[in-house]
Structures are given as structure tokens and as C-alpha cells.
């Protein structure tokens, strides 16, 4: 590797630190983290005992979640993963950060432009926040960028030899994360129309077919589960921001929970969420408008084909993200700003392009600094402090440890329901309880409507249907009296959590 590419490493480390510092204060923040680690442990033990069956979910539909990250995690000892889970996402993203630098330097041979791209990538709030816990998103984003960079080679050279590496990367991506595939589908269609070439659709369809073949049919279950999850959200999207017991809050309703407040702001002006998630997309938007309107504010550069590809990439995802946030009929397709995760690399590249095409004017540095500080770093630090470092509702606290330990003292395999539902993932990993949850989209489709996103049945019916032993309640989230329980149902209580005897609710 040329020494010039090693210049990317210091900023990649700084980027990882920016993402990880809240976890120095709060090591056990996260929700999906514990589900992934639990399933990874199951994969690990099943290699020694192939007959082992995962039976920790009361809703026992077979898992249809993309398996790649969990398989990779299962290659490491569980104790190591528990200790270092907070660093996994930042480390993966540090690789992505270096790829941003390498992409721009290879294209421009300009060190300053490459560093600018790194800065624009690392300070995008959506990038900082998506790596605050262990999820499949950073690995999917990395694979997505690598795939699109391979497709860029076809756009520039029109050589179908690139179909083969693209198919390989797409196959791995299909086994990693669902939202990435929705973004890939959108871009495959956009590029095929823009370039008048079926190559991009062939990569998408071919990757899908290869994923089915390579996994001996398992990916078909993942795919049908993906469709089931979209169907479930299509009928429940009106309750996306609902409280599980109280339902959808009024827009002016206040709440002490930082995540709730952010959701309220998003409801007031949905499209702003897409732009705030990565304000650096403004460079790509301005550049494209300049080209479309013929204003000629920016000079033509030698790498126009590459610039064209990156422009279509980032602007398409911005348009789709805003459309999904603004149009109620397609809200079920996901949070619009999440599409921006897969456009962070081209947005950063376009910031570097504007730098060079503007002739390194002072106004660029003023705008870049303003966006970096007031649109990127400060908002991200604020959210990190309030949502991650200072969190108590989505983290393993001493109170939650005490409640889960009490359940385990009652015996292994107790049947547990939690309020909010997210507590089920903590119970899954940190206790031996069997939880009223699922790793199956068909489980959502067939069973969740009774109690999530909003409780629809009386608790006595839920307790009987699932033969529950206990109900774990975060008292900051809901009072047990709101669930229809009296004081005599309380089996355990500490400052934050209450454990209710389900028999008292089913009688």
C-alpha cells in the first residue's frame, strides 16, 4: 500500500473515537445488540451440538433475519464479545472511512480533497449515531459502498467483466441487512434508467438468485420474511411512534425521554429528518442543480463520469428518503433518513468534488466548517450525550440486572413479557427467561398485533394465551396500574422496575 493511503488512518481512528466515546460511560447501551449476541452464542454452541434447538422465544416461528453478522460474531468467544461489543460498529466503520479517503484520492490524487471527504463522512450525524451500538447497519453500509464502487467501474468502462465481482458482493449484502436491499433496489432501477443499461438490475436480481443458491434455499426464508415485515409495517405504520399502552401521543405532548422528543420533532417536519441526518448532501444537491440549470458555478473536472455516478447515487437516495418521510402511503418502506446511510460515501465524495470544482474558494471552507460544526458535530454530540451516554431506559443498569437476576432465581425458563417490548432483548441475553418476542417477521405478522405496537387485548387474555409467569415493567415507561394490575400482583420492585405475577392478571 502506498504511504499516501496510510494518511487516512489518523482520521479513521478519530472517527471511531467520536462514535465510541459515549460507550466509555455507558458500556451496555443498545437493544438489537443483545439479540445478535444471543443468536451468535446459539450458532457457536450448535456447531458442537447440531441437534440444538433455539427455544427462548415464546413466539416460535423460525428466524428469518439475515444471518451474516451473527455468524461472524459467533467466531469469537462470548466473553470477548460482551466486553467489546461497543467497539464492533466503530471498527467496521473505520474501514469504511478509509475507503472514502481512498476513493477520493484515487480519483483526484489530491490529499486535501481526500481529507475533506473523510471529514464530511465522519461528521454526518446518521453515521455517528448508527454506530452507537452493535447492529447490522455498519457492515451493510460498508458492503453497499464496496458494491456501488464496483458498479462504478462498469459505468466508467462499460465492461461486463465487472458483473462477476458485483454478483459476489451483492450476494453477501443480501445476507447482511434488509434496508440495504431496499436502497439497492431503488438505485439499481435509477442507474438502469439513467444509463440505459440493464447491468444494475442484473446485479440486483443475480445477487438475489445467488443468495438463494449459496445458502441452499435459506435466503428464500429471509426474503419472504422481509416481505412479511413490510406487510406488517404497512398495516401498523400509523402507530410507528406510539406508546405501547397509551397509543399515539399528541404532537404537543411532552416527555422526558430524549428519543421520544426526537420522534416528536420528526413528526412535525418529516423531510427535515432526512437532511439533518446528513447535511453534507447539500454539496451534491447544489452541484447537481448547477449542472441542470447551466449556472456554471463549478468548473468541469477530468473525472466527470465518476462525478455523474456519485451525483445520481446520493441525490436518488435523498429524494427517495424525503418521499418516504413525506408521503403517508409509502411510509411503511422505512425511515427515510435511513436510506441516507447508504449515500454517506457519495455525499462525502461530492463535498470533495465541490472543493476542487470551485477552485478552492474561501466560501467553500466557510460553508464546510459551518456544516461540520453546527450541522454535524454539535448535533451528534448532543444526541450522543442524551440518547447514549446518559441513557437508562435502553441500557443494562443495576436496577435491570437486579430484576433479571430475581427472575432467574425463580428457576430457568420462566415465561416473561416485558413493557416496553425492547426489554425482551435484555432478558434474552442476560437471563434464562423465555420472552414474548420473536426473531421472525411472520411472528410479527401473525402474533404481534395483540400487544405491539399498541396493546389491543386485556392483559388477562395475553397472560392466558401465552401462559406467562411474570411481566417485567419499566415503571418510567408505564405504571402497572395502567396494565390493570393491583399492588398484590407485585412480586419484586426496585427503583425503576417492577415484576408482576401474571397469574394475578389472568384471574
Protein backbone atom coordinates (compact mmCIF):
# COMPACT_ATOMS: atom_id res chain seq x y z
CA UNK A 1 0.00 0.00 0.00
CA UNK A 2 1.28 3.45 -0.91
CA UNK A 3 2.18 5.55 2.15
CA UNK A 4 -0.20 8.26 0.93
CA UNK A 5 -3.14 5.97 1.71
CA UNK A 6 -1.90 5.48 5.27
CA UNK A 7 -2.70 9.16 5.81
CA UNK A 8 -6.33 8.07 6.15
CA UNK A 9 -5.70 6.14 9.35
CA UNK A 10 -5.49 9.00 11.90
CA UNK A 11 -8.88 10.44 10.91
CA UNK A 12 -10.36 6.94 10.84
CA UNK A 13 -9.26 6.48 14.48
CA UNK A 14 -10.67 9.89 15.41
CA UNK A 15 -13.94 8.95 13.72
CA UNK A 16 -14.10 5.70 15.69
CA UNK A 17 -13.47 7.60 18.93
CA UNK A 18 -16.25 10.12 18.18
CA UNK A 19 -18.64 7.22 17.72
CA UNK A 20 -17.46 5.22 20.70
CA UNK A 21 -16.83 7.78 23.46
CA UNK A 22 -20.38 7.65 24.95
CA UNK A 23 -19.90 3.93 25.48
CA UNK A 24 -16.95 4.60 27.79
CA UNK A 25 -19.61 5.95 30.15
CA UNK A 26 -22.39 3.52 29.21
CA UNK A 27 -20.92 0.20 28.05
CA UNK A 28 -24.18 -1.75 27.87
CA UNK A 29 -26.34 0.55 25.77
CA UNK A 30 -28.33 -0.95 22.90
CA UNK A 31 -31.27 -3.16 22.06
CA UNK A 32 -30.54 -5.18 18.91
CA UNK A 33 -27.08 -5.86 20.39
CA UNK A 34 -28.33 -8.44 22.85
CA UNK A 35 -30.45 -10.27 20.29
CA UNK A 36 -27.47 -10.55 17.95
CA UNK A 37 -25.17 -11.77 20.72
CA UNK A 38 -27.74 -14.33 21.92
CA UNK A 39 -28.19 -15.81 18.45
CA UNK A 40 -24.41 -15.72 17.87
CA UNK A 41 -23.97 -17.76 21.05
CA UNK A 42 -26.57 -20.22 19.76
CA UNK A 43 -24.69 -20.58 16.45
CA UNK A 44 -21.48 -21.15 18.41
CA UNK A 45 -22.90 -23.89 20.64
CA UNK A 46 -24.83 -25.55 17.81
CA UNK A 47 -21.55 -26.20 15.98
CA UNK A 48 -20.77 -28.60 18.84
CA UNK A 49 -24.32 -29.92 19.12
CA UNK A 50 -26.11 -29.81 15.73
CA UNK A 51 -29.36 -31.08 17.28
CA UNK A 52 -29.65 -27.99 19.50
CA UNK A 53 -32.89 -26.00 19.04
CA UNK A 54 -33.35 -22.32 19.91
CA UNK A 55 -36.39 -22.13 22.19
CA UNK A 56 -36.02 -18.82 24.02
CA UNK A 57 -38.87 -17.08 22.17
CA UNK A 58 -42.46 -17.78 23.13
CA UNK A 59 -43.40 -16.97 19.53
CA UNK A 60 -41.58 -19.88 17.94
CA UNK A 61 -41.68 -19.05 14.23
CA UNK A 62 -38.33 -19.82 12.63
CA UNK A 63 -35.92 -16.91 12.43
CA UNK A 64 -35.78 -15.15 9.06
CA UNK A 65 -33.23 -12.47 9.93
CA UNK A 66 -30.18 -12.07 7.62
CA UNK A 67 -27.54 -14.25 9.31
CA UNK A 68 -24.12 -12.94 8.22
CA UNK A 69 -23.22 -10.64 11.13
CA UNK A 70 -24.40 -13.16 13.70
CA UNK A 71 -22.35 -15.89 12.05
CA UNK A 72 -19.25 -13.67 12.09
CA UNK A 73 -19.83 -12.80 15.75
CA UNK A 74 -20.13 -16.49 16.59
CA UNK A 75 -16.48 -16.95 15.58
CA UNK A 76 -15.42 -15.03 18.70
CA UNK A 77 -15.80 -16.12 22.35
CA UNK A 78 -18.92 -14.81 24.04
CA UNK A 79 -16.97 -13.18 26.89
CA UNK A 80 -14.85 -11.25 24.40
CA UNK A 81 -17.94 -10.06 22.52
CA UNK A 82 -19.69 -8.94 25.70
CA UNK A 83 -16.66 -6.94 26.79
CA UNK A 84 -16.01 -5.31 23.41
CA UNK A 85 -19.43 -5.22 21.68
CA UNK A 86 -19.45 -1.42 21.91
CA UNK A 87 -16.39 -1.21 19.62
CA UNK A 88 -17.55 -3.54 16.83
CA UNK A 89 -19.54 -0.97 14.86
CA UNK A 90 -16.94 1.83 15.12
CA UNK A 91 -14.20 -0.56 13.96
CA UNK A 92 -16.23 -1.64 10.92
CA UNK A 93 -16.98 1.99 10.12
CA UNK A 94 -13.30 2.94 10.43
CA UNK A 95 -12.69 0.65 7.45
CA UNK A 96 -15.49 2.44 5.61
CA UNK A 97 -13.90 5.76 6.49
CA UNK A 98 -10.58 4.70 4.95
CA UNK A 99 -12.41 3.60 1.79
CA UNK A 100 -13.92 7.10 1.49
CA UNK A 101 -10.42 8.59 1.61
CA UNK A 102 -9.02 6.04 -0.84
CA UNK A 103 -11.87 6.59 -3.28
CA UNK A 104 -11.34 10.35 -3.45
CA UNK A 105 -7.56 10.20 -3.54
CA UNK A 106 -7.59 7.58 -6.29
CA UNK A 107 -9.96 9.73 -8.32
CA UNK A 108 -8.31 13.12 -7.71
CA UNK A 109 -4.77 12.49 -6.45
CA UNK A 110 -5.45 15.40 -4.11
CA UNK A 111 -4.68 14.83 -0.43
CA UNK A 112 -6.74 17.80 0.80
CA UNK A 113 -9.80 16.67 -1.16
CA UNK A 114 -9.48 13.15 0.28
CA UNK A 115 -9.28 14.50 3.83
CA UNK A 116 -12.29 16.78 3.23
CA UNK A 117 -14.27 13.72 2.12
CA UNK A 118 -13.24 11.87 5.28
CA UNK A 119 -14.39 14.79 7.43
CA UNK A 120 -17.74 15.04 5.60
CA UNK A 121 -18.26 11.31 6.10
CA UNK A 122 -17.21 11.05 9.74
CA UNK A 123 -19.26 14.06 10.92
CA UNK A 124 -22.56 13.05 9.30
CA UNK A 125 -24.91 12.56 12.30
CA UNK A 126 -26.50 9.45 10.75
CA UNK A 127 -23.06 7.82 10.59
CA UNK A 128 -22.15 8.73 14.15
CA UNK A 129 -25.45 7.51 15.58
CA UNK A 130 -25.77 4.31 13.54
CA UNK A 131 -22.53 3.10 15.11
CA UNK A 132 -23.53 3.80 18.71
CA UNK A 133 -24.37 0.14 19.29
CA UNK A 134 -23.83 -3.27 17.73
CA UNK A 135 -26.17 -3.61 14.73
CA UNK A 136 -26.00 -4.96 11.19
CA UNK A 137 -26.10 -1.44 9.68
CA UNK A 138 -22.37 -0.54 9.59
CA UNK A 139 -21.42 -3.83 7.93
CA UNK A 140 -24.26 -3.45 5.43
CA UNK A 141 -23.25 0.15 4.69
CA UNK A 142 -19.66 -0.92 4.11
CA UNK A 143 -20.67 -3.72 1.73
CA UNK A 144 -23.13 -1.40 -0.01
CA UNK A 145 -20.41 1.15 -0.73
CA UNK A 146 -17.99 -1.52 -1.96
CA UNK A 147 -20.69 -2.89 -4.28
CA UNK A 148 -21.54 0.53 -5.71
CA UNK A 149 -17.85 1.33 -6.22
CA UNK A 150 -17.58 -1.89 -8.23
CA UNK A 151 -20.65 -0.87 -10.24
CA UNK A 152 -18.97 2.49 -10.84
CA UNK A 153 -16.31 0.64 -12.81
CA UNK A 154 -18.97 -0.60 -15.21
CA UNK A 155 -20.42 2.91 -15.50
CA UNK A 156 -16.99 4.23 -16.50
CA UNK A 157 -15.66 1.36 -18.63
CA UNK A 158 -18.85 -0.45 -19.82
CA UNK A 159 -17.10 -3.78 -19.28
CA UNK A 160 -19.39 -6.65 -18.26
CA UNK A 161 -16.47 -8.41 -16.58
CA UNK A 162 -17.47 -6.34 -13.54
CA UNK A 163 -20.69 -8.34 -13.27
CA UNK A 164 -18.87 -11.17 -11.51
CA UNK A 165 -17.36 -9.25 -8.56
CA UNK A 166 -20.61 -7.29 -8.26
CA UNK A 167 -22.63 -10.50 -8.01
CA UNK A 168 -20.32 -11.79 -5.28
CA UNK A 169 -20.58 -8.63 -3.19
CA UNK A 170 -24.34 -8.37 -3.75
CA UNK A 171 -24.80 -11.95 -2.56
CA UNK A 172 -23.04 -11.17 0.72
CA UNK A 173 -25.02 -7.94 1.09
CA UNK A 174 -28.31 -9.80 0.68
CA UNK A 175 -27.35 -11.91 3.69
CA UNK A 176 -26.49 -8.90 5.85
CA UNK A 177 -29.31 -6.35 6.13
CA UNK A 178 -32.77 -5.72 4.70
CA UNK A 179 -32.88 -1.94 4.46
CA UNK A 180 -29.72 -2.00 2.36
CA UNK A 181 -31.55 -4.08 -0.23
CA UNK A 182 -34.38 -1.58 -0.44
CA UNK A 183 -31.85 1.19 -1.10
CA UNK A 184 -30.05 -1.05 -3.61
CA UNK A 185 -33.29 -1.78 -5.47
CA UNK A 186 -34.02 1.94 -5.78
CA UNK A 187 -30.53 2.68 -7.08
CA UNK A 188 -30.49 -0.32 -9.44
CA UNK A 189 -33.62 0.99 -11.12
CA UNK A 190 -32.33 4.59 -11.14
CA UNK A 191 -28.97 3.68 -12.67
CA UNK A 192 -30.54 1.36 -15.23
CA UNK A 193 -32.83 4.17 -16.39
CA UNK A 194 -30.17 6.89 -16.22
CA UNK A 195 -27.55 4.92 -18.17
CA UNK A 196 -29.95 2.90 -20.29
CA UNK A 197 -28.18 -0.28 -19.15
CA UNK A 198 -29.65 -3.40 -17.55
CA UNK A 199 -26.36 -4.16 -15.78
CA UNK A 200 -27.52 -2.74 -12.45
CA UNK A 201 -30.81 -4.63 -12.39
CA UNK A 202 -28.90 -7.78 -13.40
CA UNK A 203 -26.64 -7.34 -10.37
CA UNK A 204 -29.64 -6.99 -8.06
CA UNK A 205 -31.55 -9.97 -9.47
CA UNK A 206 -28.39 -12.06 -9.81
CA UNK A 207 -27.36 -11.32 -6.23
CA UNK A 208 -30.80 -12.41 -5.05
CA UNK A 209 -30.59 -15.69 -7.00
CA UNK A 210 -27.04 -16.36 -5.82
CA UNK A 211 -28.03 -15.75 -2.19
CA UNK A 212 -30.73 -18.44 -2.52
CA UNK A 213 -28.33 -20.88 -4.19
CA UNK A 214 -25.36 -20.31 -1.87
CA UNK A 215 -27.49 -20.75 1.27
CA UNK A 216 -29.27 -23.82 -0.16
CA UNK A 217 -32.61 -22.07 -0.02
CA UNK A 218 -32.26 -20.38 3.38
CA UNK A 219 -32.28 -16.93 1.81
CA UNK A 220 -35.78 -17.62 0.46
CA UNK A 221 -36.94 -17.63 4.09
CA UNK A 222 -35.09 -14.36 4.69
CA UNK A 223 -36.69 -12.82 1.59
CA UNK A 224 -40.24 -13.92 2.41
CA UNK A 225 -39.68 -12.68 5.95
CA UNK A 226 -38.62 -9.31 4.53
CA UNK A 227 -41.88 -9.13 2.57
CA UNK A 228 -43.83 -10.14 5.68
CA UNK A 229 -42.18 -7.40 7.72
CA UNK A 230 -43.04 -4.76 5.10
CA UNK A 231 -46.61 -6.03 5.09
CA UNK A 232 -46.77 -5.83 8.89
CA UNK A 233 -45.47 -2.27 8.88
CA UNK A 234 -47.87 -1.29 6.11
CA UNK A 235 -50.79 -2.05 8.40
CA UNK A 236 -49.18 -0.64 11.56
CA UNK A 237 -47.27 2.37 10.26
CA UNK A 238 -49.78 4.79 11.79
CA UNK A 239 -48.52 3.63 15.19
CA UNK A 240 -44.79 3.91 14.44
CA UNK A 241 -44.31 6.46 17.24
CA UNK A 242 -46.99 5.08 19.53
CA UNK A 243 -46.61 4.28 23.21
CA UNK A 244 -47.30 0.59 23.70
CA UNK A 245 -50.07 1.28 26.23
CA UNK A 246 -51.17 4.88 25.71
CA UNK A 247 -51.10 4.86 21.94
CA UNK A 248 -50.03 7.69 19.67
CA UNK A 249 -49.16 10.86 21.60
CA UNK A 250 -50.47 14.28 20.75
CA UNK A 251 -47.96 16.31 18.74
CA UNK A 252 -47.64 18.87 21.53
CA UNK A 253 -47.29 16.24 24.26
CA UNK A 254 -44.04 16.49 26.24
CA UNK A 255 -41.94 13.65 27.56
CA UNK A 256 -38.66 13.28 29.43
CA UNK A 257 -37.33 10.63 27.07
CA UNK A 258 -34.86 12.10 24.56
CA UNK A 259 -35.71 9.58 21.83
CA UNK A 260 -39.42 10.36 22.23
CA UNK A 261 -38.72 14.08 21.83
CA UNK A 262 -36.71 13.47 18.66
CA UNK A 263 -39.60 11.42 17.26
CA UNK A 264 -41.95 14.30 18.04
CA UNK A 265 -39.76 16.73 16.10
CA UNK A 266 -39.68 14.32 13.16
CA UNK A 267 -43.48 14.13 13.13
CA UNK A 268 -43.70 17.91 12.87
CA UNK A 269 -41.43 18.18 9.80
CA UNK A 270 -40.60 14.70 8.46
CA UNK A 271 -38.46 15.73 5.46
CA UNK A 272 -36.11 17.72 7.71
CA UNK A 273 -35.04 14.46 9.36
CA UNK A 274 -33.54 13.31 6.06
CA UNK A 275 -31.50 16.49 5.60
CA UNK A 276 -30.45 16.71 9.25
CA UNK A 277 -29.28 13.09 9.17
CA UNK A 278 -26.56 14.14 6.72
CA UNK A 279 -26.41 17.87 5.97
CA UNK A 280 -23.35 17.32 3.75
CA UNK A 281 -25.71 16.19 0.97
CA UNK A 282 -26.19 19.91 0.31
CA UNK A 283 -22.92 19.89 -1.68
CA UNK A 284 -24.24 17.20 -4.03
CA UNK A 285 -27.60 18.95 -4.39
CA UNK A 286 -26.01 22.31 -5.22
CA UNK A 287 -23.61 20.69 -7.69
CA UNK A 288 -26.41 18.83 -9.49
CA UNK A 289 -28.58 21.95 -9.64
CA UNK A 290 -25.65 23.86 -11.11
CA UNK A 291 -25.31 21.26 -13.86
CA UNK A 292 -29.07 21.03 -14.54
CA UNK A 293 -29.66 24.77 -14.60
CA UNK A 294 -26.49 25.58 -16.51
CA UNK A 295 -25.30 28.15 -13.97
CA UNK A 296 -21.65 27.08 -14.41
CA UNK A 297 -20.64 27.95 -10.89
CA UNK A 298 -18.27 24.99 -10.89
CA UNK A 299 -15.52 24.05 -13.29
CA UNK A 300 -15.64 20.85 -15.33
CA UNK A 301 -13.28 18.20 -13.97
CA UNK A 302 -11.45 15.33 -15.62
CA UNK A 303 -13.43 12.69 -13.75
CA UNK A 304 -16.90 13.77 -14.93
CA UNK A 305 -18.15 10.19 -15.42
CA UNK A 306 -17.36 9.34 -11.82
CA UNK A 307 -18.95 12.59 -10.60
CA UNK A 308 -22.09 11.80 -12.56
CA UNK A 309 -22.35 8.38 -10.91
CA UNK A 310 -21.84 9.72 -7.39
CA UNK A 311 -24.37 12.52 -8.03
CA UNK A 312 -27.09 10.12 -9.16
CA UNK A 313 -26.29 7.85 -6.20
CA UNK A 314 -26.65 10.44 -3.45
CA UNK A 315 -29.46 12.56 -4.96
CA UNK A 316 -31.62 9.50 -5.69
CA UNK A 317 -31.40 8.36 -2.08
CA UNK A 318 -32.17 11.86 -0.78
CA UNK A 319 -35.26 12.12 -3.00
CA UNK A 320 -36.47 8.66 -2.02
CA UNK A 321 -35.82 9.33 1.67
CA UNK A 322 -37.78 12.58 1.63
CA UNK A 323 -40.62 10.95 -0.34
CA UNK A 324 -40.92 8.14 2.19
CA UNK A 325 -40.94 10.60 5.08
CA UNK A 326 -43.50 12.91 3.45
CA UNK A 327 -45.92 10.55 1.66
CA UNK A 328 -48.03 8.58 4.11
CA UNK A 329 -48.89 5.89 1.55
CA UNK A 330 -45.25 4.71 1.41
CA UNK A 331 -44.11 5.39 4.98
CA UNK A 332 -44.03 1.64 5.56
CA UNK A 333 -40.89 1.42 3.35
CA UNK A 334 -38.74 2.51 6.30
CA UNK A 335 -37.43 5.61 7.98
CA UNK A 336 -36.48 7.94 5.13
CA UNK A 337 -33.24 9.13 6.71
CA UNK A 338 -32.03 5.52 6.94
CA UNK A 339 -31.69 5.49 3.16
CA UNK A 340 -29.15 8.25 3.67
CA UNK A 341 -26.83 5.80 5.45
CA UNK A 342 -26.16 4.25 2.08
CA UNK A 343 -25.48 7.62 0.48
CA UNK A 344 -22.93 8.85 3.02
CA UNK A 345 -19.92 7.89 0.90
CA UNK A 346 -21.05 9.66 -2.30
CA UNK A 347 -22.17 12.69 -0.27
CA UNK A 348 -18.65 12.92 1.16
CA UNK A 349 -17.13 12.45 -2.29
CA UNK A 350 -19.28 15.27 -3.66
CA UNK A 351 -18.07 17.60 -0.91
CA UNK A 352 -14.54 16.99 -2.19
CA UNK A 353 -15.70 17.48 -5.79
CA UNK A 354 -17.22 20.87 -4.93
CA UNK A 355 -13.95 21.86 -3.25
CA UNK A 356 -11.97 21.18 -6.42
CA UNK A 357 -14.59 22.39 -8.90
CA UNK A 358 -14.96 25.70 -7.04
CA UNK A 359 -11.24 26.37 -7.30
CA UNK A 360 -10.61 26.06 -3.55
CA UNK A 361 -12.53 29.28 -2.84
CA UNK A 362 -12.77 30.63 0.71
CA UNK A 363 -16.57 30.39 0.69
CA UNK A 364 -16.28 26.60 0.45
CA UNK A 365 -14.26 26.38 3.66
CA UNK A 366 -16.71 28.67 5.48
CA UNK A 367 -19.67 26.53 4.37
CA UNK A 368 -17.85 23.28 5.14
CA UNK A 369 -16.88 24.48 8.62
CA UNK A 370 -20.42 25.68 9.34
CA UNK A 371 -22.00 22.40 8.27
CA UNK A 372 -19.33 20.33 10.02
CA UNK A 373 -19.70 22.09 13.36
CA UNK A 374 -23.34 23.19 13.51
CA UNK A 375 -24.93 20.58 11.25
CA UNK A 376 -22.71 17.63 12.09
CA UNK A 377 -20.56 17.51 15.20
CA UNK A 378 -22.58 19.55 17.72
CA UNK A 379 -25.99 17.94 16.96
CA UNK A 380 -24.36 14.50 17.04
CA UNK A 381 -22.65 15.18 20.37
CA UNK A 382 -25.93 16.46 21.81
CA UNK A 383 -27.80 13.34 20.73
CA UNK A 384 -24.98 11.07 21.89
CA UNK A 385 -24.96 12.62 25.35
CA UNK A 386 -28.72 12.48 25.78
CA UNK A 387 -29.56 9.24 23.96
CA UNK A 388 -26.46 7.11 24.61
CA UNK A 389 -24.16 8.31 27.40
CA UNK A 390 -26.97 9.42 29.68
CA UNK A 391 -29.45 6.69 28.80
CA UNK A 392 -31.08 4.50 31.43
CA UNK A 393 -34.05 3.06 29.51
CA UNK A 394 -32.14 1.29 26.70
CA UNK A 395 -29.17 0.14 28.75
CA UNK A 396 -28.30 -2.60 31.20
CA UNK A 397 -28.47 -0.74 34.53
CA UNK A 398 -28.01 -2.12 38.03
CA UNK A 399 -31.78 -1.98 38.53
CA UNK A 400 -32.38 -4.08 35.40
CA UNK A 401 -29.65 -6.54 36.44
CA UNK A 402 -31.37 -6.93 39.79
CA UNK A 403 -34.77 -7.57 38.22
CA UNK A 404 -33.42 -10.15 35.76
CA UNK A 405 -31.41 -11.88 38.50
CA UNK A 406 -34.59 -12.16 40.59
CA UNK A 407 -36.38 -13.86 37.68
CA UNK A 408 -33.54 -16.35 37.26
CA UNK A 409 -33.71 -17.15 40.98
CA UNK A 410 -37.27 -18.37 40.42
CA UNK A 411 -35.97 -21.07 38.07
CA UNK A 412 -34.81 -21.47 34.47
CA UNK A 413 -37.09 -20.80 31.51
CA UNK A 414 -39.72 -18.61 33.16
CA UNK A 415 -42.20 -17.22 30.62
CA UNK A 416 -41.81 -13.46 30.53
CA UNK A 417 -43.47 -10.47 28.90
CA UNK A 418 -41.91 -7.01 29.07
CA UNK A 419 -43.05 -3.39 28.86
CA UNK A 420 -41.66 -1.86 26.78
CA UNK A 421 -41.11 -4.72 24.35
CA UNK A 422 -37.44 -3.73 23.89
CA UNK A 423 -36.68 -5.09 27.38
CA UNK A 424 -37.22 -8.57 25.97
CA UNK A 425 -33.82 -8.40 24.22
CA UNK A 426 -32.09 -7.70 27.54
CA UNK A 427 -33.94 -10.58 29.18
CA UNK A 428 -33.00 -12.81 26.25
CA UNK A 429 -29.26 -12.31 26.79
CA UNK A 430 -28.92 -11.53 30.50
CA UNK A 431 -31.37 -14.10 31.90
CA UNK A 432 -32.62 -17.61 31.20
CA UNK A 433 -36.23 -16.48 30.72
CA UNK A 434 -38.27 -17.29 27.63
CA UNK A 435 -39.55 -13.99 26.28
CA UNK A 436 -42.71 -12.94 24.49
CA UNK A 437 -40.89 -11.79 21.38
CA UNK A 438 -39.67 -13.27 18.11
CA UNK A 439 -36.85 -13.19 15.58
CA UNK A 440 -39.35 -13.89 12.81
CA UNK A 441 -41.19 -11.43 10.58
CA UNK A 442 -44.02 -13.94 10.29
CA UNK A 443 -44.12 -13.92 14.08
CA UNK A 444 -44.74 -10.19 13.84
CA UNK A 445 -47.35 -10.66 11.15
CA UNK A 446 -49.30 -13.38 12.93
CA UNK A 447 -48.95 -12.55 16.62
CA UNK A 448 -47.65 -9.05 17.40
CA UNK A 449 -50.84 -7.11 16.67
CA UNK A 450 -52.30 -8.22 20.01
CA UNK A 451 -49.70 -6.32 22.02
CA UNK A 452 -47.42 -4.28 19.72
CA UNK A 453 -47.05 -1.52 18.63
CA UNK A 454 -50.11 -0.81 20.83
CA UNK A 455 -51.68 -3.23 23.31
CA UNK A 456 -55.04 -4.34 21.85
CA UNK A 457 -56.18 -7.09 24.25
CA UNK A 458 -56.74 -7.03 28.02
CA UNK A 459 -53.69 -8.27 29.88
CA UNK A 460 -55.64 -11.18 31.34
CA UNK A 461 -56.14 -12.50 27.79
CA UNK A 462 -52.46 -12.03 26.95
CA UNK A 463 -51.38 -13.80 30.14
CA UNK A 464 -53.64 -16.76 29.43
CA UNK A 465 -52.81 -17.02 25.73
CA UNK A 466 -49.07 -17.19 26.34
CA UNK A 467 -49.18 -18.90 29.75
CA UNK A 468 -47.00 -16.18 31.25
CA UNK A 469 -45.23 -16.43 34.59
CA UNK A 470 -44.09 -12.83 35.01
CA UNK A 471 -44.32 -9.38 33.46
CA UNK A 472 -41.31 -7.08 33.67
CA UNK A 473 -42.26 -3.40 33.63
CA UNK A 474 -40.11 -0.29 33.42
CA UNK A 475 -42.06 1.95 35.77
CA UNK A 476 -40.73 5.03 33.97
CA UNK A 477 -42.47 3.74 30.84
CA UNK A 478 -45.82 2.71 32.27
CA UNK A 479 -47.44 2.16 35.66
CA UNK A 480 -48.58 -1.35 36.42
CA UNK A 481 -51.99 0.02 37.30
CA UNK A 482 -52.33 1.10 33.65
CA UNK A 483 -51.92 -2.56 32.75
CA UNK A 484 -54.79 -3.50 35.04
CA UNK A 485 -52.72 -4.90 37.93
CA UNK A 486 -53.08 -4.07 41.60
CA UNK A 487 -50.46 -3.95 44.35
CA UNK A 488 -50.99 -7.60 45.22
CA UNK A 489 -49.59 -8.60 41.80
CA UNK A 490 -46.18 -7.07 42.59
CA UNK A 491 -43.63 -9.84 43.14
CA UNK A 492 -40.50 -7.67 43.00
CA UNK A 493 -39.82 -3.97 42.84
CA UNK A 494 -36.82 -1.66 42.80
CA UNK A 495 -36.40 2.00 41.95
CA UNK A 496 -37.04 1.55 38.22
CA UNK A 497 -38.50 -1.91 37.56
CA UNK A 498 -41.50 -3.89 38.72
CA UNK A 499 -42.07 -7.62 38.21
CA UNK A 500 -45.72 -8.68 38.23
CA UNK A 501 -47.15 -12.15 38.79
CA UNK A 502 -49.01 -12.93 35.60
CA UNK A 503 -51.43 -15.19 37.47
CA UNK A 504 -52.87 -12.09 39.16
CA UNK A 505 -53.68 -10.62 35.77
CA UNK A 506 -55.21 -13.75 34.29
CA UNK A 507 -57.58 -14.44 37.16
